[in-house]
Amino acid sequence: MNLKRIFTGLALSCILFTACEKANKDVDTSPIDGAATGEVSGVWPKGSTQIIKGDVVIPEGKTLTIEEGVTVLMDTVAKPEIIVKGNLYALGTAQNPVKFTVNDFYKTDAKKFGKMWGGILAGPTCAELVLDHTILEYGGSTTSDASTSVKQGLYKAKAGENLPALWFSNVNGKLVVVNSTFRNFQEDCTYIDGGKIIFANNTFYTTGVTGGEAMNFKSGCVADVAYNLVYSTNTNALKLSNSGDRTPQAYIVAYNNTMVNTGWRRPTAKGGSVWVESTVRAELHNNLFVNTRFGIKRDTKKPEDSRSVYTNNWYCGYDQTTVNQFQPTSDVVGGTNDVIGKTAGENNPMLVNYPLNTPVDNAVFNTSWDFHLQGNSPALGKGITNFTRHYAAGIMANGITYQSPAPSTYVGAFGTR
């Protein structure tokens, strides 16, 4: 009798051990809260906290789904990288976003540009990546010879590189980033080396110590970029380039974005709002530039595709120095029906709550600011809608169709409330 019970107990223990082993291998976390390192896949469930103690890898052919309200807490000593070789879906909501972050104790002014974990690095085998209502903050650490990304030949594959919050590199892949926030990163927020791409309704602020863009697109990218707010990136809000010799040619349609104070903290004059170069095909419509350094600036030695189009963009500078450097030249692009005044304060778009006299080199974002237009704003009705965006019919990812939003007749990312 006792022997039978012993064998039964051993059998049950074996089953339980096998089940736990399988869960750890596939998900590397408990069903509620957990700690992860190594290979991960499966589901991180709603409302859980996942402590990332070392570099994690989503293997090729596997998927990690992160449900609403999950906090992904990064170890600030290990400075983890998240390597995506399979698929990643971070699916938050407005009330319960997914958050990639560090312990609140470390969020000091001295650490406002992060550097405390790596980034999300999606290799060429990543077929789909979706960030919806997701917050990424306090990352962008510098690689070393020991970094997983360096060992596996990912991103720039060398030590001493400041990692972006997000790198994506599959020209045949699908990348959807919507309703999300990028803040407190050392350099680039995103660095995209190809794919079918939608960036819409996102916010970028307090990024870049000595360089870095909000959205950095290279060859292989076909993207719609709309209704994003970019505040005080060190360099450009948008860097649009066809460098890298990948097919297809980079073709970016950027419309109804609001850019404020971008570019002034860059020690050299390489852009500050939108930089176009290397035969990128670009379309920019209905964008609002407030106190930004330059407007749309081209590399005169490696200019953009001649088919590029610029229309109905709006510029306002609080002081004369800012206004002077908006003026079109051989390298500062002036578009059709652009509103570009010549005197300080001209063409005030009448934002609901943003002091136009905020110093242009200020990197601290006030969450009480409101970049909607007042009801009597002259920027209302100055946009156009008769251009073609790439993904009006949508991109299918994770079984969901994500459409690039329709353009609006107002200028900027926000109309009236």
Protein backbone atom coordinates (compact mmCIF):
# COMPACT_ATOMS: atom_id res chain seq x y z
CA MET A 1 0.00 0.00 0.00
CA ASN A 2 2.75 2.40 1.04
CA LEU A 3 4.85 1.36 -1.97
CA LYS A 4 1.89 2.09 -4.25
CA ARG A 5 1.50 5.55 -2.71
CA ILE A 6 5.21 6.21 -3.17
CA PHE A 7 5.07 5.30 -6.87
CA THR A 8 1.92 7.42 -7.31
CA GLY A 9 3.58 10.36 -5.60
CA LEU A 10 6.67 9.98 -7.74
CA ALA A 11 4.55 9.87 -10.89
CA LEU A 12 2.63 13.00 -9.88
CA SER A 13 5.87 14.79 -9.03
CA CYS A 14 7.27 13.89 -12.41
CA ILE A 15 4.17 15.22 -14.16
CA LEU A 16 4.25 18.45 -12.16
CA PHE A 17 7.99 18.87 -12.74
CA THR A 18 7.55 18.29 -16.48
CA ALA A 19 4.69 20.81 -16.62
CA CYS A 20 6.71 23.42 -14.73
CA GLU A 21 9.73 22.76 -16.89
CA LYS A 22 7.64 23.24 -20.03
CA ALA A 23 6.15 26.49 -18.72
CA ASN A 24 9.57 27.82 -17.85
CA LYS A 25 10.94 26.89 -21.25
CA ASP A 26 8.04 28.35 -23.22
CA VAL A 27 7.19 31.38 -21.12
CA ASP A 28 9.96 31.65 -18.54
CA THR A 29 7.57 33.17 -16.05
CA SER A 30 4.92 32.05 -13.58
CA PRO A 31 1.23 32.33 -14.51
CA ILE A 32 0.94 35.64 -12.63
CA ASP A 33 4.15 37.48 -11.78
CA GLY A 34 7.56 36.20 -12.66
CA ALA A 35 11.17 36.73 -13.60
CA ALA A 36 12.58 36.15 -17.05
CA THR A 37 15.91 35.56 -18.67
CA GLY A 38 16.88 33.49 -21.70
CA GLU A 39 14.28 32.29 -24.21
CA VAL A 40 10.72 33.47 -23.71
CA SER A 41 7.42 32.95 -25.52
CA GLY A 42 3.75 32.44 -24.70
CA VAL A 43 1.71 34.99 -22.76
CA TRP A 44 2.55 37.44 -20.01
CA PRO A 45 -0.92 37.83 -18.51
CA LYS A 46 -2.93 40.95 -17.82
CA GLY A 47 -1.78 43.05 -14.90
CA SER A 48 1.32 40.99 -14.08
CA THR A 49 4.82 42.22 -13.35
CA GLN A 50 7.68 40.52 -15.18
CA ILE A 51 11.16 41.19 -13.82
CA ILE A 52 13.76 40.95 -16.57
CA LYS A 53 17.02 39.86 -14.96
CA GLY A 54 19.05 39.35 -18.11
CA ASP A 55 18.83 39.41 -21.90
CA VAL A 56 15.71 37.66 -23.21
CA VAL A 57 15.18 36.13 -26.65
CA ILE A 58 11.91 35.36 -28.41
CA PRO A 59 13.00 32.47 -30.66
CA GLU A 60 12.33 32.36 -34.38
CA GLY A 61 8.91 30.90 -35.08
CA LYS A 62 7.59 31.65 -31.58
CA THR A 63 5.50 34.50 -30.18
CA LEU A 64 5.37 36.48 -26.96
CA THR A 65 2.08 38.28 -26.26
CA ILE A 66 2.09 40.87 -23.49
CA GLU A 67 -1.41 41.67 -22.27
CA GLU A 68 -2.77 44.95 -20.97
CA GLY A 69 -1.43 46.37 -17.75
CA VAL A 70 1.76 44.30 -17.71
CA THR A 71 4.83 45.97 -16.20
CA VAL A 72 8.10 44.73 -17.68
CA LEU A 73 10.63 45.75 -15.04
CA MET A 74 14.25 45.90 -16.16
CA ASP A 75 17.20 45.06 -13.93
CA THR A 76 19.38 48.19 -13.98
CA VAL A 77 22.56 46.24 -13.26
CA ALA A 78 22.10 43.63 -16.01
CA LYS A 79 20.76 46.29 -18.45
CA PRO A 80 18.80 43.66 -20.44
CA GLU A 81 18.18 43.60 -24.17
CA ILE A 82 14.97 42.13 -25.59
CA ILE A 83 15.89 40.20 -28.74
CA VAL A 84 12.95 39.41 -31.03
CA LYS A 85 13.53 36.68 -33.59
CA GLY A 86 9.91 35.55 -33.60
CA ASN A 87 6.89 37.81 -33.04
CA LEU A 88 6.13 40.28 -30.27
CA TYR A 89 2.72 41.76 -29.47
CA ALA A 90 2.52 44.31 -26.62
CA LEU A 91 -1.19 45.03 -26.36
CA GLY A 92 -2.05 47.61 -23.74
CA THR A 93 -5.06 49.87 -23.45
CA ALA A 94 -5.42 53.57 -22.69
CA GLN A 95 -6.35 52.75 -19.09
CA ASN A 96 -3.85 49.89 -18.71
CA PRO A 97 -0.81 50.32 -20.93
CA VAL A 98 2.03 47.86 -21.20
CA LYS A 99 5.14 49.42 -19.67
CA PHE A 100 8.83 48.64 -20.27
CA THR A 101 10.49 50.47 -17.41
CA VAL A 102 12.77 50.48 -14.37
CA ASN A 103 12.05 50.80 -10.68
CA ASP A 104 10.72 54.26 -9.77
CA PHE A 105 13.68 54.73 -7.43
CA TYR A 106 15.96 55.22 -10.46
CA LYS A 107 13.82 57.81 -12.26
CA THR A 108 15.78 60.86 -11.17
CA ASP A 109 16.65 64.02 -13.06
CA ALA A 110 20.25 62.83 -13.25
CA LYS A 111 18.99 59.71 -15.05
CA LYS A 112 16.46 61.44 -17.29
CA PHE A 113 18.15 60.11 -20.43
CA GLY A 114 17.90 56.52 -19.26
CA LYS A 115 20.74 54.18 -20.26
CA MET A 116 19.44 51.65 -17.72
CA TRP A 117 18.42 48.86 -20.08
CA GLY A 118 18.92 48.08 -23.75
CA GLY A 119 15.99 48.17 -26.14
CA ILE A 120 13.67 45.96 -28.18
CA LEU A 121 15.82 44.62 -31.02
CA ALA A 122 13.91 42.78 -33.74
CA GLY A 123 16.11 40.76 -36.07
CA PRO A 124 15.48 39.92 -39.75
CA THR A 125 13.39 36.85 -38.85
CA CYS A 126 10.86 38.86 -36.84
CA ALA A 127 7.74 38.71 -39.01
CA GLU A 128 5.41 40.87 -36.92
CA LEU A 129 5.85 43.34 -34.09
CA VAL A 130 3.02 45.38 -32.58
CA LEU A 131 3.27 47.99 -29.84
CA ASP A 132 -0.20 49.31 -28.95
CA HIS A 133 -0.68 51.53 -25.90
CA THR A 134 2.85 50.72 -24.78
CA ILE A 135 5.26 52.88 -22.80
CA LEU A 136 9.03 52.47 -23.26
CA GLU A 137 11.23 54.51 -20.93
CA TYR A 138 14.67 54.91 -19.35
CA GLY A 139 16.52 52.61 -21.77
CA GLY A 140 19.13 52.97 -24.47
CA SER A 141 22.19 51.52 -22.78
CA THR A 142 25.53 51.24 -24.57
CA THR A 143 26.62 47.90 -26.02
CA SER A 144 29.75 46.01 -25.01
CA ASP A 145 31.51 42.95 -26.41
CA ALA A 146 29.38 40.92 -23.97
CA SER A 147 26.05 42.20 -25.32
CA THR A 148 23.78 39.59 -26.89
CA SER A 149 23.08 41.92 -29.81
CA VAL A 150 26.79 42.24 -30.55
CA LYS A 151 27.41 38.49 -30.27
CA GLN A 152 24.47 37.73 -32.58
CA GLY A 153 25.31 40.41 -35.15
CA LEU A 154 22.18 42.50 -34.52
CA TYR A 155 21.62 46.25 -34.85
CA LYS A 156 25.06 47.75 -35.55
CA ALA A 157 26.75 44.65 -34.11
CA LYS A 158 29.59 46.36 -32.33
CA ALA A 159 30.51 47.54 -28.87
CA GLY A 160 30.06 51.18 -27.94
CA GLU A 161 26.72 51.71 -29.71
CA ASN A 162 23.85 53.41 -27.89
CA LEU A 163 20.81 51.19 -28.38
CA PRO A 164 17.49 52.56 -29.64
CA ALA A 165 14.24 51.86 -27.83
CA LEU A 166 13.15 49.89 -30.92
CA TRP A 167 15.05 48.40 -33.84
CA PHE A 168 13.25 46.50 -36.62
CA SER A 169 15.03 44.97 -39.59
CA ASN A 170 12.79 42.69 -41.69
CA VAL A 171 12.00 44.36 -45.03
CA ASN A 172 9.19 41.82 -45.48
CA GLY A 173 7.96 42.17 -41.91
CA LYS A 174 5.11 44.17 -40.40
CA LEU A 175 5.68 46.81 -37.75
CA VAL A 176 2.80 48.64 -36.09
CA VAL A 177 3.47 51.22 -33.37
CA VAL A 178 0.33 53.05 -32.24
CA ASN A 179 -0.89 54.97 -29.19
CA SER A 180 2.50 54.54 -27.52
CA THR A 181 5.03 56.66 -25.64
CA PHE A 182 8.82 56.76 -25.96
CA ARG A 183 10.63 58.79 -23.32
CA ASN A 184 13.90 59.07 -21.41
CA PHE A 185 16.23 57.33 -23.86
CA GLN A 186 19.91 58.03 -24.44
CA GLU A 187 19.75 58.36 -28.22
CA ASP A 188 17.37 57.15 -30.98
CA CYS A 189 13.86 56.20 -30.03
CA THR A 190 13.47 54.04 -33.13
CA TYR A 191 15.83 52.83 -35.85
CA ILE A 192 13.99 51.02 -38.63
CA ASP A 193 15.82 49.03 -41.31
CA GLY A 194 12.82 47.96 -43.36
CA GLY A 195 9.25 46.70 -43.26
CA LYS A 196 5.63 47.59 -43.85
CA ILE A 197 5.13 50.18 -41.14
CA ILE A 198 2.53 52.30 -39.37
CA PHE A 199 3.54 54.84 -36.70
CA ALA A 200 0.43 56.68 -35.48
CA ASN A 201 -0.77 58.55 -32.42
CA ASN A 202 2.49 58.21 -30.52
CA THR A 203 4.37 60.60 -28.22
CA PHE A 204 8.15 61.06 -28.04
CA TYR A 205 9.92 63.27 -25.50
CA THR A 206 13.03 63.79 -23.36
CA THR A 207 15.33 61.75 -25.59
CA GLY A 208 18.91 62.12 -26.76
CA VAL A 209 21.93 63.27 -24.79
CA THR A 210 24.17 64.26 -27.71
CA GLY A 211 22.26 62.82 -30.69
CA GLY A 212 19.25 60.79 -31.65
CA GLU A 213 16.01 60.92 -33.61
CA ALA A 214 12.44 60.08 -32.68
CA MET A 215 11.78 58.05 -35.85
CA ASN A 216 14.73 57.01 -37.99
CA PHE A 217 13.85 55.20 -41.24
CA LYS A 218 16.29 53.58 -43.67
CA SER A 219 16.01 51.70 -47.00
CA GLY A 220 13.45 48.93 -47.09
CA CYS A 221 10.88 50.98 -45.17
CA VAL A 222 7.45 51.73 -46.58
CA ALA A 223 5.76 53.71 -43.84
CA ASP A 224 2.82 55.90 -42.90
CA VAL A 225 3.68 58.28 -40.05
CA ALA A 226 0.75 60.27 -38.68
CA TYR A 227 -0.62 62.09 -35.63
CA ASN A 228 2.57 61.80 -33.62
CA LEU A 229 3.77 64.40 -31.10
CA VAL A 230 7.54 64.85 -30.90
CA TYR A 231 8.97 67.13 -28.22
CA SER A 232 12.63 68.11 -27.84
CA THR A 233 14.41 65.24 -29.47
CA ASN A 234 18.12 65.99 -29.45
CA THR A 235 18.22 65.90 -33.25
CA ASN A 236 15.40 65.20 -35.70
CA ALA A 237 11.80 64.25 -35.15
CA LEU A 238 12.06 62.34 -38.43
CA LYS A 239 15.20 61.16 -40.18
CA LEU A 240 14.25 59.84 -43.62
CA SER A 241 16.95 58.05 -45.57
CA ASN A 242 17.31 55.40 -48.25
CA SER A 243 20.73 54.35 -46.99
CA GLY A 244 21.51 50.65 -46.69
CA ASP A 245 20.80 49.50 -50.26
CA ARG A 246 17.78 47.42 -49.30
CA THR A 247 14.74 46.86 -51.49
CA PRO A 248 12.19 48.43 -51.59
CA GLN A 249 13.27 52.04 -51.75
CA ALA A 250 12.38 53.90 -48.56
CA TYR A 251 9.07 55.68 -49.10
CA ILE A 252 7.67 57.58 -46.14
CA VAL A 253 4.35 59.45 -46.02
CA ALA A 254 4.33 61.68 -42.92
CA TYR A 255 1.25 63.79 -42.24
CA ASN A 256 -0.53 65.57 -39.41
CA ASN A 257 2.38 65.39 -36.98
CA THR A 258 3.23 68.01 -34.34
CA MET A 259 6.91 68.79 -33.69
CA VAL A 260 7.96 71.12 -30.89
CA ASN A 261 11.45 72.32 -29.82
CA THR A 262 13.19 69.54 -31.74
CA GLY A 263 16.84 69.69 -32.70
CA TRP A 264 18.23 72.51 -30.59
CA ARG A 265 20.30 70.30 -28.29
CA ARG A 266 22.28 68.83 -31.18
CA PRO A 267 25.85 70.25 -31.12
CA THR A 268 26.02 70.28 -34.94
CA ALA A 269 23.53 71.49 -37.50
CA LYS A 270 22.35 68.16 -38.93
CA GLY A 271 18.66 68.80 -39.08
CA GLY A 272 16.33 69.44 -36.21
CA SER A 273 12.86 68.73 -37.49
CA VAL A 274 12.87 66.49 -40.55
CA TRP A 275 16.06 65.39 -42.34
CA VAL A 276 15.83 63.90 -45.86
CA GLU A 277 18.72 62.24 -47.69
CA SER A 278 20.04 59.47 -49.93
CA THR A 279 17.19 59.22 -52.46
CA VAL A 280 14.49 58.59 -49.88
CA ARG A 281 11.06 59.22 -51.33
CA ALA A 282 9.22 61.43 -48.88
CA GLU A 283 5.82 63.06 -48.64
CA LEU A 284 5.15 65.55 -45.87
CA HIS A 285 1.73 67.11 -45.49
CA ASN A 286 -0.14 69.02 -42.76
CA ASN A 287 2.74 68.93 -40.27
CA LEU A 288 3.05 71.55 -37.53
CA PHE A 289 6.51 72.87 -36.60
CA VAL A 290 6.61 74.97 -33.42
CA ASN A 291 9.95 76.45 -32.29
CA THR A 292 11.84 73.67 -34.05
CA ARG A 293 15.37 74.00 -35.35
CA PHE A 294 15.02 74.34 -39.11
CA GLY A 295 12.06 72.80 -40.87
CA ILE A 296 12.56 70.11 -43.48
CA LYS A 297 16.28 69.97 -44.22
CA ARG A 298 18.03 68.04 -46.99
CA ASP A 299 21.50 66.69 -47.43
CA THR A 300 22.55 68.67 -50.50
CA LYS A 301 25.30 66.17 -51.31
CA LYS A 302 22.92 63.19 -51.11
CA PRO A 303 19.45 64.65 -51.70
CA GLU A 304 16.06 62.96 -51.59
CA ASP A 305 14.18 61.43 -54.54
CA SER A 306 12.96 64.13 -56.92
CA ARG A 307 9.41 62.72 -56.65
CA SER A 308 9.21 63.84 -53.02
CA VAL A 309 6.31 66.15 -52.18
CA TYR A 310 5.92 68.79 -49.44
CA THR A 311 2.62 70.60 -48.93
CA ASN A 312 0.59 72.51 -46.35
CA ASN A 313 3.09 72.45 -43.52
CA TRP A 314 2.89 75.17 -40.85
CA TYR A 315 5.73 76.93 -39.03
CA CYS A 316 5.78 79.17 -35.98
CA GLY A 317 8.77 80.53 -34.07
CA TYR A 318 8.58 82.54 -30.86
CA ASP A 319 11.75 84.54 -31.55
CA GLN A 320 13.41 85.94 -34.66
CA THR A 321 16.37 83.55 -34.52
CA THR A 322 14.00 80.61 -34.82
CA VAL A 323 12.01 82.21 -37.62
CA ASN A 324 15.12 83.08 -39.61
CA GLN A 325 16.28 79.49 -39.86
CA PHE A 326 12.86 78.31 -41.13
CA GLN A 327 13.32 80.29 -44.32
CA PRO A 328 13.75 78.14 -47.47
CA THR A 329 17.26 77.87 -48.91
CA SER A 330 19.08 75.25 -50.96
CA ASP A 331 19.08 72.94 -47.96
CA VAL A 332 15.96 74.06 -46.04
CA VAL A 333 12.94 72.85 -48.00
CA GLY A 334 9.97 75.07 -48.72
CA GLY A 335 6.81 73.30 -49.86
CA THR A 336 3.63 74.13 -51.70
CA ASN A 337 1.07 76.06 -49.61
CA ASP A 338 3.38 76.03 -46.60
CA VAL A 339 2.73 78.72 -43.99
CA ILE A 340 6.13 80.22 -43.13
CA GLY A 341 6.14 83.69 -41.66
CA LYS A 342 9.12 86.04 -41.47
CA THR A 343 8.62 87.69 -38.09
CA ALA A 344 8.74 86.40 -34.52
CA GLY A 345 5.45 84.97 -33.29
CA GLU A 346 3.82 85.05 -36.71
CA ASN A 347 1.38 82.24 -37.51
CA ASN A 348 0.77 81.34 -33.88
CA PRO A 349 -1.27 78.12 -34.15
CA MET A 350 -2.96 78.93 -30.82
CA LEU A 351 -2.27 75.76 -28.91
CA VAL A 352 -4.59 75.14 -25.96
CA ASN A 353 -1.81 75.03 -23.36
CA TYR A 354 1.81 75.39 -24.36
CA PRO A 355 3.85 78.52 -23.57
CA LEU A 356 5.52 79.53 -26.83
CA ASN A 357 8.29 81.21 -24.84
CA THR A 358 9.44 77.86 -23.40
CA PRO A 359 13.24 77.77 -23.97
CA VAL A 360 13.99 75.83 -27.14
CA ASP A 361 16.67 73.74 -25.42
CA ASN A 362 14.29 72.59 -22.70
CA ALA A 363 14.08 68.78 -22.60
CA VAL A 364 11.67 68.44 -19.68
CA PHE A 365 8.14 67.57 -20.78
CA ASN A 366 5.17 68.85 -18.80
CA THR A 367 2.33 66.33 -19.04
CA SER A 368 -0.22 69.09 -18.41
CA TRP A 369 0.60 70.74 -21.73
CA ASP A 370 -2.14 70.46 -24.32
CA PHE A 371 -1.18 70.64 -28.00
CA HIS A 372 -4.75 70.70 -29.34
CA LEU A 373 -5.76 73.75 -31.36
CA GLN A 374 -8.05 76.36 -29.93
CA GLY A 375 -11.39 76.78 -31.65
CA ASN A 376 -10.27 79.96 -33.43
CA SER A 377 -6.84 78.63 -34.47
CA PRO A 378 -5.75 79.78 -37.94
CA ALA A 379 -4.30 76.27 -38.48
CA LEU A 380 -7.79 74.80 -38.68
CA GLY A 381 -8.86 74.08 -42.23
CA LYS A 382 -5.33 74.50 -43.61
CA GLY A 383 -4.59 70.82 -44.20
CA ILE A 384 -5.26 68.69 -47.26
CA THR A 385 -6.63 65.18 -47.60
CA ASN A 386 -6.16 64.46 -51.31
CA PHE A 387 -2.98 62.39 -51.08
CA THR A 388 -2.48 58.65 -50.91
CA ARG A 389 -1.23 56.90 -47.81
CA HIS A 390 0.18 53.39 -48.03
CA TYR A 391 -2.07 51.55 -45.61
CA ALA A 392 -5.54 53.01 -45.88
CA ALA A 393 -6.71 49.41 -46.31
CA GLY A 394 -4.58 48.33 -43.39
CA ILE A 395 -1.79 46.00 -42.31
CA MET A 396 -2.81 42.60 -40.91
CA ALA A 397 -0.78 41.65 -37.84
CA ASN A 398 -1.70 39.19 -35.10
CA GLY A 399 -4.99 38.63 -36.92
CA ILE A 400 -5.93 42.30 -36.51
CA THR A 401 -6.11 44.89 -39.29
CA TYR A 402 -4.37 48.14 -38.39
CA GLN A 403 -5.17 51.04 -40.71
CA SER A 404 -3.17 54.22 -41.05
CA PRO A 405 -5.53 57.02 -39.96
CA ALA A 406 -7.13 59.27 -42.52
CA PRO A 407 -5.58 62.74 -42.90
CA SER A 408 -7.34 65.77 -41.47
CA THR A 409 -8.06 69.24 -42.75
CA TYR A 410 -6.32 70.81 -39.77
CA VAL A 411 -2.56 71.09 -39.40
CA GLY A 412 -0.71 69.07 -36.76
CA ALA A 413 -1.54 65.99 -34.72
CA PHE A 414 -4.45 67.43 -32.77
CA GLY A 415 -7.49 69.35 -33.84
CA THR A 416 -9.87 70.97 -31.38
CA ARG A 417 -11.09 69.10 -28.33
